Amino acid sequence: MDLTIQEQQLLADFRRLSVQAQRELMEQLAILQRRHQAGEESPQAQPANQCRLAGQPEKRPEAAKEPIFTE
């Protein structure tokens, strides 16, 4: 099995945890997995204080591709 450096670091960090901390982490992961399988969205998935951007790109006349004439 080929693992990336980040995956190897995560495994090493997990193995350094105490047995109790490993259990707590696995319980939290199980809760998140059940929510994901049930189709629920996490509370952080929908930010409440953001607005939707307009679908049209911003008009920028200064960026128009026009030839530059010099004398």
C-alpha atoms as a PDB file:
ATOM      1  CA  MET A   1       0.000   0.000   0.000  1.00  0.00           C
ATOM      2  CA  ASP A   2       1.480   3.344  -1.057  1.00  0.00           C
ATOM      3  CA  LEU A   3       0.756   6.238   1.283  1.00  0.00           C
ATOM      4  CA  THR A   4       1.507   9.897   0.814  1.00  0.00           C
ATOM      5  CA  ILE A   5       3.667  11.725   3.322  1.00  0.00           C
ATOM      6  CA  GLN A   6       0.575  13.394   4.829  1.00  0.00           C
ATOM      7  CA  GLU A   7      -1.143  10.029   5.267  1.00  0.00           C
ATOM      8  CA  GLN A   8       1.959   8.570   6.896  1.00  0.00           C
ATOM      9  CA  GLN A   9       2.121  11.581   9.243  1.00  0.00           C
ATOM     10  CA  LEU A  10      -1.550  11.138  10.195  1.00  0.00           C
ATOM     11  CA  LEU A  11      -0.974   7.463  10.998  1.00  0.00           C
ATOM     12  CA  ALA A  12       2.095   8.269  13.078  1.00  0.00           C
ATOM     13  CA  ASP A  13       0.191  10.967  14.996  1.00  0.00           C
ATOM     14  CA  PHE A  14      -2.726   8.605  15.588  1.00  0.00           C
ATOM     15  CA  ARG A  15      -0.425   5.894  16.935  1.00  0.00           C
ATOM     16  CA  ARG A  16       1.134   8.380  19.373  1.00  0.00           C
ATOM     17  CA  LEU A  17      -2.255   9.068  20.966  1.00  0.00           C
ATOM     18  CA  SER A  18      -3.274   7.281  24.121  1.00  0.00           C
ATOM     19  CA  VAL A  19      -5.740   4.399  23.823  1.00  0.00           C
ATOM     20  CA  GLN A  20      -8.519   6.558  25.293  1.00  0.00           C
ATOM     21  CA  ALA A  21      -7.815   9.387  22.828  1.00  0.00           C
ATOM     22  CA  GLN A  22      -7.813   6.907  19.929  1.00  0.00           C
ATOM     23  CA  ARG A  23     -11.232   5.609  21.027  1.00  0.00           C
ATOM     24  CA  GLU A  24     -12.659   9.133  21.296  1.00  0.00           C
ATOM     25  CA  LEU A  25     -11.360  10.005  17.842  1.00  0.00           C
ATOM     26  CA  MET A  26     -12.798   6.836  16.335  1.00  0.00           C
ATOM     27  CA  GLU A  27     -16.181   7.525  17.992  1.00  0.00           C
ATOM     28  CA  GLN A  28     -16.264  11.023  16.490  1.00  0.00           C
ATOM     29  CA  LEU A  29     -15.371   9.598  13.079  1.00  0.00           C
ATOM     30  CA  ALA A  30     -18.155   7.031  13.373  1.00  0.00           C
ATOM     31  CA  ILE A  31     -20.673   9.802  14.147  1.00  0.00           C
ATOM     32  CA  LEU A  32     -19.519  11.818  11.122  1.00  0.00           C
ATOM     33  CA  GLN A  33     -19.671   8.760   8.890  1.00  0.00           C
ATOM     34  CA  ARG A  34     -23.231   7.947   9.998  1.00  0.00           C
ATOM     35  CA  ARG A  35     -24.300  11.535   9.292  1.00  0.00           C
ATOM     36  CA  HIS A  36     -22.699  11.410   5.861  1.00  0.00           C
ATOM     37  CA  GLN A  37     -24.363   8.098   4.985  1.00  0.00           C
ATOM     38  CA  ALA A  38     -27.730   9.389   6.183  1.00  0.00           C
ATOM     39  CA  GLY A  39     -27.391  12.405   3.917  1.00  0.00           C
ATOM     40  CA  GLU A  40     -27.293  14.962   6.690  1.00  0.00           C
ATOM     41  CA  GLU A  41     -25.156  18.009   6.222  1.00  0.00           C
ATOM     42  CA  SER A  42     -22.723  19.060   8.869  1.00  0.00           C
ATOM     43  CA  PRO A  43     -23.586  22.255  10.754  1.00  0.00           C
ATOM     44  CA  GLN A  44     -20.568  24.030   9.257  1.00  0.00           C
ATOM     45  CA  ALA A  45     -21.538  23.194   5.667  1.00  0.00           C
ATOM     46  CA  GLN A  46     -24.018  26.093   5.377  1.00  0.00           C
ATOM     47  CA  PRO A  47     -22.556  29.401   6.541  1.00  0.00           C
ATOM     48  CA  ALA A  48     -25.293  31.794   7.617  1.00  0.00           C
ATOM     49  CA  ASN A  49     -23.513  35.112   7.144  1.00  0.00           C
ATOM     50  CA  GLN A  50     -22.573  34.922   3.466  1.00  0.00           C
ATOM     51  CA  CYS A  51     -24.310  36.166   0.350  1.00  0.00           C
ATOM     52  CA  ARG A  52     -24.449  34.611  -3.100  1.00  0.00           C
ATOM     53  CA  LEU A  53     -22.328  36.202  -5.803  1.00  0.00           C
ATOM     54  CA  ALA A  54     -23.845  37.291  -9.085  1.00  0.00           C
ATOM     55  CA  GLY A  55     -23.448  34.799 -11.907  1.00  0.00           C
ATOM     56  CA  GLN A  56     -22.126  37.300 -14.450  1.00  0.00           C
ATOM     57  CA  PRO A  57     -18.449  38.192 -14.527  1.00  0.00           C
ATOM     58  CA  GLU A  58     -17.436  41.680 -13.481  1.00  0.00           C
ATOM     59  CA  LYS A  59     -16.989  44.155 -16.352  1.00  0.00           C
ATOM     60  CA  ARG A  60     -13.510  45.623 -16.314  1.00  0.00           C
ATOM     61  CA  PRO A  61     -12.915  48.151 -19.080  1.00  0.00           C
ATOM     62  CA  GLU A  62      -9.320  48.687 -17.931  1.00  0.00           C
ATOM     63  CA  ALA A  63      -8.602  45.056 -18.802  1.00  0.00           C
ATOM     64  CA  ALA A  64     -10.017  45.250 -22.340  1.00  0.00           C
ATOM     65  CA  LYS A  65      -7.619  44.056 -25.015  1.00  0.00           C
ATOM     66  CA  GLU A  66      -7.090  47.159 -27.062  1.00  0.00           C
ATOM     67  CA  PRO A  67      -3.902  48.082 -28.890  1.00  0.00           C
ATOM     68  CA  ILE A  68      -1.785  50.777 -27.280  1.00  0.00           C
ATOM     69  CA  PHE A  69      -0.746  53.546 -29.673  1.00  0.00           C
ATOM     70  CA  THR A  70       2.310  55.608 -28.940  1.00  0.00           C
ATOM     71  CA  GLU A  71       3.647  58.580 -30.855  1.00  0.00           C
END
